Amino acid sequence: MQAIMNTYGRLPVTFTSGQGSWLTDTDGRRYLDALSGIAVCGLGHAHPAVTRAIQEQAETLIHTSNLYGVGRQQELAEALVNVSGMDNVFFSNSGAEANEAAIKIARKFGHQKGIHEPVIIVMTKAFHGRTIATLTATGNAKAQEGFGPLLSGFIRVPFTDLNTLTAVVKSNPNVVAVMLEPVQGEGGLATASNEYLQGVRALCDSNDLLMLVDEIQTGNGRTGTYFCYQQCGFMPDVVTTAKGLGNGVPIGACLARGRAAEILQPGNHGSTYGGNPLACAAGVAVVNTIVNENLTDNAAKMGQYLRDQFTARLAGKEQLVSIRGRGLMVGLVINQDCPQLMAAALDKGLLLNVTAGNVVRLLPPLNLTQTDADQIVEIVSQLIEALN
C-alpha cells in the first residue's frame, strides 16, 4: 500500500538538490527549472540569503504562537507594507488560507453594512485555492467535482468583461466585493488589461465594494513589479500573496488598507502557525533580496526577452496561437491540448507546466540569466515544432 495519498499525477523523477535555476535528481542528472516549484522559488534553489536566514532562525526560535509578540513577524509585515503601499498584514501558511482571510474580510464588511447574505463576485477560470470557500470561488468545474455542496455567496462573471460585471453589481444589492487575479495562473495565463483593472477599481469605488486582488502567483516580483497591481494604476483594498514569499518555506499573507484593514479584530480570525519566526525569517530574506538585487527589473527584462525570442523563433508556426502573461509569467497558447509536453520537456532536462490543457506555462526564477533563457526557448520551441 502506498503511504502517500494518491492526490498527484507525478512525473517519474525525484530531486535531491538544487542550485540557482538548476535541480539534480537521484541519478545525478541536472534539469533547468523553468517552473520554480510553481512560482515558489523565485530566488532559485539554495539561495544563500534564504538559507542563512533559516539556519540562523532555527538555531534561535522556531515557534511561540500568536498569543505573544513575534519580532520576525513584525519585521516582515513592515517590509511588505513598505513594498505594497498597504496598511497591515495577516499571516497564514498558504495562498488558500490568505484568500480565506480575504473572503472573511469581505463578508464581515458586508455584515457591518447590514447585508446579511453578502455576495462576492468572482471570475470564470479563476483559481483561488482548494479549501471549501476558495474552491467555491475557483472557476474550475473539474477541481470542484465531487466536493459539493459548495458555499453560497459567490456569483461568477466572465473574466475581463466589465459590462457584465457592472450589470451584476447594479442588479444585486448584496454584492460586497469583487475578487480576481490580474493574471490567471491556473486559468491559462489569461491577462487582464490595465484599463479593465482600473475599471473594476472605479466600479468598486462608486458602489462601495471591496476590491480583492489575488496575487498568490503574480506577487513577490513575478510580473516585473513587486505586486502586479503596481504596474496597473490602481490600489486594491485587499491583496493576497504566498508562493514566492518564502522561496519554498510555507507562508501566505493577506494585506489590507483603509477600512478593510480594520475589519478583522481579536477573535475574528487566526492561525496557529501563521507568521511564525521561521517562516517570517525566510520571508524577510526574500523581500530584502528582491528589493536589494532589483529582481523585479530582471523579471520584467527577461520576461520580455523570452516573449521576443519565442515570437521570433516560432513566427509562422501554426502550433503557436499567442503568447500571454506579464514579466516572468509566460504562457504559450498552443492550438491543441498538449499535456504530454511536460514529460517531453523532462526528457530534455527542462521543467515546465501545461495549464488549461493547451497553455505551456513558464515560471523561471526571477534571477534568470540570458543563457538559461536561451536554453528554455530552444527546448520549448523544439517541443512545440514537433507537435502534429
Protein backbone atom coordinates (compact mmCIF):
# COMPACT_ATOMS: atom_id res chain seq x y z
CA MET A 1 0.00 0.00 0.00
CA GLN A 2 1.36 3.40 -0.95
CA ALA A 3 1.92 5.53 2.15
CA ILE A 4 1.12 8.80 0.36
CA MET A 5 -2.46 9.58 -0.72
CA ASN A 6 -2.86 9.36 -4.48
CA THR A 7 -3.61 13.06 -5.00
CA TYR A 8 -0.89 13.91 -7.52
CA GLY A 9 -0.08 12.70 -11.00
CA ARG A 10 3.66 12.86 -10.56
CA LEU A 11 6.31 12.67 -13.25
CA PRO A 12 8.91 9.91 -12.78
CA VAL A 13 11.70 11.92 -11.18
CA THR A 14 12.82 12.79 -7.64
CA PHE A 15 15.14 15.69 -6.93
CA THR A 16 17.80 15.67 -4.24
CA SER A 17 19.40 19.10 -4.53
CA GLY A 18 19.26 22.40 -6.35
CA GLN A 19 21.40 25.44 -7.07
CA GLY A 20 20.04 28.58 -8.67
CA SER A 21 17.91 27.68 -11.69
CA TRP A 22 19.03 24.05 -11.71
CA LEU A 23 17.91 20.87 -9.95
CA THR A 24 19.67 17.50 -9.62
CA ASP A 25 17.82 14.17 -9.43
CA THR A 26 18.61 10.90 -7.66
CA ASP A 27 20.66 9.74 -10.66
CA GLY A 28 22.77 12.89 -10.71
CA ARG A 29 21.09 14.34 -13.83
CA ARG A 30 20.62 18.12 -13.91
CA TYR A 31 17.46 19.93 -15.03
CA LEU A 32 16.82 23.56 -15.86
CA ASP A 33 13.89 24.66 -13.71
CA ALA A 34 11.50 26.89 -15.67
CA LEU A 35 8.69 26.28 -13.17
CA SER A 36 10.26 27.31 -9.84
CA GLY A 37 8.09 24.94 -7.84
CA ILE A 38 5.04 26.62 -9.48
CA ALA A 39 6.19 30.22 -8.93
CA VAL A 40 7.53 29.48 -5.43
CA CYS A 41 11.34 29.55 -5.69
CA GLY A 42 11.62 33.00 -7.21
CA LEU A 43 15.19 33.34 -5.96
CA GLY A 44 16.09 29.92 -7.31
CA HIS A 45 17.21 26.97 -5.22
CA ALA A 46 19.50 27.19 -2.18
CA HIS A 47 19.74 30.97 -2.31
CA PRO A 48 22.37 31.91 0.29
CA ALA A 49 20.31 34.71 1.89
CA VAL A 50 17.33 32.42 2.48
CA THR A 51 19.49 29.52 3.60
CA ARG A 52 21.33 31.74 6.10
CA ALA A 53 18.07 33.25 7.43
CA ILE A 54 16.51 29.81 8.00
CA GLN A 55 19.64 28.43 9.66
CA GLU A 56 20.05 31.37 12.00
CA GLN A 57 16.39 31.44 12.97
CA ALA A 58 16.19 27.67 13.51
CA GLU A 59 19.12 27.93 15.92
CA THR A 60 17.30 30.59 17.92
CA LEU A 61 13.49 30.20 17.88
CA ILE A 62 11.05 28.45 15.54
CA HIS A 63 7.64 28.93 17.14
CA THR A 64 5.87 30.57 20.09
CA SER A 65 2.28 31.13 18.78
CA ASN A 66 0.37 34.33 18.17
CA LEU A 67 -0.55 34.65 21.84
CA TYR A 68 2.68 36.64 22.09
CA GLY A 69 4.59 39.17 20.06
CA VAL A 70 6.66 37.78 17.19
CA GLY A 71 9.53 40.04 16.24
CA ARG A 72 10.22 38.48 12.85
CA GLN A 73 6.52 38.75 12.01
CA GLN A 74 6.56 42.47 12.73
CA GLU A 75 9.70 42.85 10.62
CA LEU A 76 8.16 41.05 7.64
CA ALA A 77 4.87 42.92 7.98
CA GLU A 78 6.69 46.25 7.87
CA ALA A 79 8.68 45.14 4.83
CA LEU A 80 5.52 44.08 2.99
CA VAL A 81 3.68 47.27 3.91
CA ASN A 82 6.63 49.27 2.58
CA VAL A 83 6.78 47.50 -0.78
CA SER A 84 2.99 47.31 -1.25
CA GLY A 85 1.55 50.61 -0.01
CA MET A 86 -0.98 48.63 2.05
CA ASP A 87 -1.65 49.27 5.77
CA ASN A 88 -1.35 45.91 7.53
CA VAL A 89 -0.95 42.16 7.11
CA PHE A 90 -2.42 38.88 8.37
CA PHE A 91 -0.05 35.92 8.00
CA SER A 92 -1.14 32.41 7.07
CA ASN A 93 0.57 29.23 5.88
CA SER A 94 -0.61 29.15 2.26
CA GLY A 95 -2.28 31.06 -0.52
CA ALA A 96 -5.62 29.36 0.04
CA GLU A 97 -5.59 30.48 3.67
CA ALA A 98 -4.67 34.02 2.65
CA ASN A 99 -7.67 34.01 0.31
CA GLU A 100 -9.87 32.63 3.08
CA ALA A 101 -8.89 35.67 5.15
CA ALA A 102 -9.77 37.97 2.24
CA ILE A 103 -13.17 36.30 1.85
CA LYS A 104 -13.86 36.67 5.57
CA ILE A 105 -12.91 40.35 5.42
CA ALA A 106 -15.37 40.88 2.56
CA ARG A 107 -18.18 39.02 4.31
CA LYS A 108 -17.69 40.84 7.60
CA PHE A 109 -17.55 44.12 5.68
CA GLY A 110 -20.97 43.25 4.28
CA HIS A 111 -22.41 42.34 7.66
CA GLN A 112 -21.17 45.63 9.09
CA LYS A 113 -23.16 47.36 6.32
CA GLY A 114 -26.28 45.41 7.30
CA ILE A 115 -26.07 42.91 4.43
CA HIS A 116 -26.90 39.54 5.97
CA GLU A 117 -26.21 37.44 2.86
CA PRO A 118 -23.16 39.12 1.33
CA VAL A 119 -22.10 38.18 -2.21
CA ILE A 120 -18.60 38.23 -3.70
CA ILE A 121 -18.25 38.40 -7.50
CA VAL A 122 -15.57 36.04 -8.86
CA MET A 123 -14.31 35.24 -12.34
CA THR A 124 -14.55 32.41 -14.84
CA LYS A 125 -11.42 30.21 -14.89
CA ALA A 126 -10.21 31.74 -11.62
CA PHE A 127 -8.19 29.66 -9.19
CA HIS A 128 -8.14 30.75 -5.55
CA GLY A 129 -7.43 27.51 -3.69
CA ARG A 130 -8.79 24.12 -2.62
CA THR A 131 -10.42 24.84 0.73
CA ILE A 132 -14.22 24.84 0.51
CA ALA A 133 -14.57 28.64 0.36
CA THR A 134 -11.70 29.16 -2.06
CA LEU A 135 -12.81 26.16 -4.11
CA THR A 136 -16.22 27.79 -4.46
CA ALA A 137 -14.53 30.99 -5.61
CA THR A 138 -12.46 28.98 -8.08
CA GLY A 139 -13.84 28.73 -11.62
CA ASN A 140 -12.74 25.17 -12.36
CA ALA A 141 -15.50 22.57 -12.55
CA LYS A 142 -13.02 19.70 -12.57
CA ALA A 143 -11.45 20.87 -9.31
CA GLN A 144 -14.91 21.28 -7.74
CA GLU A 145 -16.31 17.95 -8.89
CA GLY A 146 -17.23 15.62 -6.03
CA PHE A 147 -16.96 18.23 -3.27
CA GLY A 148 -20.47 19.70 -3.25
CA PRO A 149 -22.44 21.24 -1.87
CA LEU A 150 -20.27 24.30 -2.29
CA LEU A 151 -20.93 27.55 -0.47
CA SER A 152 -23.45 30.20 -1.38
CA GLY A 153 -22.46 33.84 -1.60
CA PHE A 154 -20.50 33.85 -4.86
CA ILE A 155 -21.53 34.97 -8.36
CA ARG A 156 -19.29 34.21 -11.33
CA VAL A 157 -18.86 36.52 -14.32
CA PRO A 158 -16.64 36.32 -17.44
CA PHE A 159 -13.08 37.46 -16.79
CA THR A 160 -12.24 40.88 -18.31
CA ASP A 161 -15.92 41.55 -19.18
CA LEU A 162 -16.51 44.87 -17.44
CA ASN A 163 -20.02 45.32 -18.86
CA THR A 164 -21.31 42.06 -17.38
CA LEU A 165 -19.57 42.77 -14.08
CA THR A 166 -21.20 46.21 -13.95
CA ALA A 167 -24.63 44.77 -14.72
CA VAL A 168 -24.37 42.22 -11.90
CA VAL A 169 -23.25 44.88 -9.42
CA LYS A 170 -26.11 47.17 -10.38
CA SER A 171 -28.71 44.40 -10.16
CA ASN A 172 -27.69 42.81 -6.86
CA PRO A 173 -27.67 44.92 -3.67
CA ASN A 174 -25.96 42.10 -1.72
CA VAL A 175 -22.69 42.38 -3.64
CA VAL A 176 -19.92 43.44 -1.26
CA ALA A 177 -16.71 42.70 -3.17
CA VAL A 178 -15.06 41.72 -6.44
CA MET A 179 -12.28 39.10 -6.31
CA LEU A 180 -9.87 38.48 -9.18
CA GLU A 181 -6.34 37.63 -10.30
CA PRO A 182 -4.55 40.13 -12.58
CA VAL A 183 -3.09 37.12 -14.42
CA GLN A 184 -4.90 33.78 -14.08
CA GLY A 185 -2.02 31.43 -13.37
CA GLU A 186 -4.03 28.20 -13.41
CA GLY A 187 -6.55 29.54 -15.90
CA GLY A 188 -4.19 29.59 -18.87
CA LEU A 189 -2.37 32.84 -18.01
CA ALA A 190 -5.27 34.95 -19.23
CA THR A 191 -4.15 38.51 -18.51
CA ALA A 192 -6.32 41.46 -17.52
CA SER A 193 -5.51 44.78 -19.15
CA ASN A 194 -4.66 47.84 -17.07
CA GLU A 195 -7.82 49.50 -18.36
CA TYR A 196 -10.03 46.63 -17.21
CA LEU A 197 -8.48 46.55 -13.74
CA GLN A 198 -8.83 50.32 -13.43
CA GLY A 199 -12.47 49.93 -14.48
CA VAL A 200 -13.06 47.34 -11.76
CA ARG A 201 -11.49 49.69 -9.22
CA ALA A 202 -13.75 52.55 -10.33
CA LEU A 203 -16.81 50.28 -10.19
CA CYS A 204 -15.95 49.20 -6.65
CA ASP A 205 -15.40 52.80 -5.58
CA SER A 206 -18.71 54.02 -6.98
CA ASN A 207 -20.68 51.15 -5.40
CA ASP A 208 -18.94 50.91 -2.01
CA LEU A 209 -17.40 47.48 -2.71
CA LEU A 210 -14.08 45.98 -1.73
CA MET A 211 -11.63 45.02 -4.47
CA LEU A 212 -9.83 41.79 -3.54
CA VAL A 213 -6.77 41.04 -5.70
CA ASP A 214 -5.31 37.53 -5.59
CA GLU A 215 -1.57 37.86 -6.17
CA ILE A 216 -0.68 34.43 -4.82
CA GLN A 217 1.21 33.71 -8.05
CA THR A 218 1.76 37.18 -9.51
CA GLY A 219 3.22 38.73 -6.36
CA ASN A 220 6.78 38.88 -5.00
CA GLY A 221 8.34 40.26 -8.16
CA ARG A 222 6.97 37.68 -10.58
CA THR A 223 5.42 40.12 -13.09
CA GLY A 224 8.08 42.84 -13.09
CA THR A 225 6.93 44.91 -10.08
CA TYR A 226 6.70 43.67 -6.52
CA PHE A 227 2.95 43.27 -6.97
CA CYS A 228 1.26 43.24 -10.34
CA TYR A 229 -1.28 45.94 -9.43
CA GLN A 230 1.62 48.38 -9.08
CA GLN A 231 2.00 48.49 -12.86
CA CYS A 232 -1.73 48.81 -13.46
CA GLY A 233 -2.58 52.20 -11.97
CA PHE A 234 -4.79 51.26 -9.02
CA MET A 235 -4.69 50.14 -5.39
CA PRO A 236 -6.71 47.17 -4.08
CA ASP A 237 -8.47 47.11 -0.73
CA VAL A 238 -7.12 43.62 -0.07
CA VAL A 239 -4.26 41.77 -1.76
CA THR A 240 -3.22 38.21 -1.04
CA THR A 241 0.08 36.51 -1.72
CA ALA A 242 2.04 33.36 -0.87
CA LYS A 243 4.12 31.10 -3.18
CA GLY A 244 7.26 33.22 -3.79
CA LEU A 245 7.09 34.93 -0.40
CA GLY A 246 9.01 32.16 1.39
CA ASN A 247 11.04 30.77 -1.54
CA GLY A 248 9.85 27.29 -0.52
CA VAL A 249 9.07 27.83 3.16
CA PRO A 250 5.26 27.75 3.54
CA ILE A 251 3.85 31.22 4.22
CA GLY A 252 0.94 33.31 2.98
CA ALA A 253 -0.14 36.88 3.59
CA CYS A 254 -3.36 38.87 3.35
CA LEU A 255 -2.66 42.60 3.12
CA ALA A 256 -5.34 45.25 3.55
CA ARG A 257 -5.69 49.02 3.57
CA GLY A 258 -8.21 51.63 4.64
CA ARG A 259 -11.49 50.27 6.00
CA ALA A 260 -10.55 46.73 5.04
CA ALA A 261 -7.51 46.88 7.32
CA GLU A 262 -9.66 47.42 10.41
CA ILE A 263 -12.35 44.78 9.87
CA LEU A 264 -10.74 41.73 11.49
CA GLN A 265 -10.36 42.11 15.25
CA PRO A 266 -9.21 39.73 18.03
CA GLY A 267 -11.32 36.58 17.92
CA ASN A 268 -12.41 37.05 14.29
CA HIS A 269 -9.58 35.11 12.68
CA GLY A 270 -6.30 33.39 13.49
CA SER A 271 -3.71 30.76 12.67
CA THR A 272 -1.58 28.53 14.89
CA TYR A 273 1.46 28.55 12.61
CA GLY A 274 0.77 31.70 10.62
CA GLY A 275 3.62 34.18 10.82
CA ASN A 276 5.89 32.03 12.95
CA PRO A 277 9.52 33.17 13.32
CA LEU A 278 11.00 30.60 10.93
CA ALA A 279 8.64 31.35 8.02
CA CYS A 280 8.91 35.08 8.57
CA ALA A 281 12.71 34.96 8.66
CA ALA A 282 12.62 33.37 5.23
CA GLY A 283 10.09 35.98 4.09
CA VAL A 284 12.25 38.88 5.26
CA ALA A 285 15.21 37.44 3.36
CA VAL A 286 13.08 37.07 0.22
CA VAL A 287 11.66 40.60 0.29
CA ASN A 288 15.04 42.18 1.02
CA THR A 289 16.74 40.17 -1.74
CA ILE A 290 14.11 41.04 -4.34
CA VAL A 291 14.40 44.73 -3.47
CA ASN A 292 18.18 44.94 -2.99
CA GLU A 293 19.05 42.93 -6.11
CA ASN A 294 16.44 44.69 -8.29
CA LEU A 295 14.96 41.34 -9.27
CA THR A 296 11.70 42.94 -10.36
CA ASP A 297 13.63 44.72 -13.10
CA ASN A 298 15.28 41.46 -14.15
CA ALA A 299 11.87 39.72 -14.20
CA ALA A 300 10.49 42.41 -16.48
CA LYS A 301 13.56 42.38 -18.72
CA MET A 302 13.92 38.61 -19.01
CA GLY A 303 10.18 38.10 -19.38
CA GLN A 304 10.17 40.43 -22.36
CA TYR A 305 13.27 38.71 -23.70
CA LEU A 306 11.56 35.31 -23.56
CA ARG A 307 8.46 36.63 -25.31
CA ASP A 308 10.53 38.32 -28.01
CA GLN A 309 12.65 35.22 -28.59
CA PHE A 310 9.64 32.92 -28.79
CA THR A 311 7.91 35.34 -31.16
CA ALA A 312 10.92 35.32 -33.48
CA ARG A 313 11.64 31.59 -33.22
CA LEU A 314 8.02 30.45 -33.70
CA ALA A 315 6.93 33.07 -36.23
CA GLY A 316 4.60 31.49 -38.75
CA LYS A 317 4.32 28.22 -36.83
CA GLU A 318 0.69 27.14 -36.84
CA GLN A 319 1.07 25.44 -33.46
CA LEU A 320 1.53 28.77 -31.63
CA VAL A 321 -1.69 30.74 -31.19
CA SER A 322 -0.47 33.53 -28.91
CA ILE A 323 1.87 34.47 -26.09
CA ARG A 324 0.42 35.70 -22.79
CA GLY A 325 1.46 36.94 -19.38
CA ARG A 326 3.44 39.62 -17.62
CA GLY A 327 7.08 39.57 -16.54
CA LEU A 328 8.30 36.05 -15.84
CA MET A 329 4.81 34.60 -16.14
CA VAL A 330 4.98 33.42 -19.74
CA GLY A 331 2.20 31.44 -21.38
CA LEU A 332 2.44 29.96 -24.87
CA VAL A 333 -1.06 29.18 -26.13
CA ILE A 334 -0.98 26.12 -28.42
CA ASN A 335 -3.61 25.16 -30.99
CA GLN A 336 -4.23 21.78 -29.35
CA ASP A 337 -4.21 20.15 -25.95
CA CYS A 338 -0.60 19.26 -25.16
CA PRO A 339 -0.23 17.84 -21.63
CA GLN A 340 2.40 15.43 -22.99
CA LEU A 341 4.86 18.33 -23.26
CA MET A 342 5.55 18.16 -19.53
CA ALA A 343 7.05 14.67 -19.85
CA ALA A 344 8.70 15.51 -23.17
CA ALA A 345 10.38 18.56 -21.62
CA LEU A 346 11.51 16.47 -18.65
CA ASP A 347 13.22 14.07 -21.06
CA LYS A 348 15.17 17.05 -22.43
CA GLY A 349 16.17 18.25 -18.96
CA LEU A 350 13.64 21.07 -18.61
CA LEU A 351 10.85 21.56 -16.06
CA LEU A 352 7.70 23.30 -17.24
CA ASN A 353 3.95 23.02 -16.83
CA VAL A 354 0.92 22.81 -19.11
CA THR A 355 -2.15 24.52 -17.70
CA ALA A 356 -5.71 24.83 -19.00
CA GLY A 357 -4.94 21.93 -21.34
CA ASN A 358 -3.12 23.86 -24.05
CA VAL A 359 -1.02 26.60 -22.44
CA VAL A 360 2.68 25.99 -21.82
CA ARG A 361 3.37 27.84 -18.56
CA LEU A 362 6.88 29.10 -17.81
CA LEU A 363 7.68 30.49 -14.35
CA PRO A 364 11.50 30.56 -14.11
CA PRO A 365 13.35 32.20 -11.20
CA LEU A 366 13.41 35.99 -11.07
CA ASN A 367 17.22 35.98 -11.37
CA LEU A 368 17.09 34.04 -14.65
CA THR A 369 20.12 34.61 -16.87
CA GLN A 370 20.02 35.15 -20.63
CA THR A 371 21.98 31.93 -21.14
CA ASP A 372 19.35 29.90 -19.30
CA ALA A 373 16.57 31.82 -21.06
CA ASP A 374 18.05 30.89 -24.44
CA GLN A 375 18.09 27.23 -23.44
CA ILE A 376 14.44 27.43 -22.38
CA VAL A 377 13.50 28.98 -25.72
CA GLU A 378 15.41 26.36 -27.68
CA ILE A 379 13.93 23.33 -25.91
CA VAL A 380 10.36 24.62 -25.74
CA SER A 381 10.43 25.69 -29.38
CA GLN A 382 11.62 22.26 -30.44
CA LEU A 383 8.81 20.63 -28.49
CA ILE A 384 6.17 22.89 -29.99
CA GLU A 385 7.52 22.50 -33.53
CA ALA A 386 7.33 18.71 -33.14
CA LEU A 387 3.59 18.79 -32.42
CA ASN A 388 1.45 17.43 -35.26
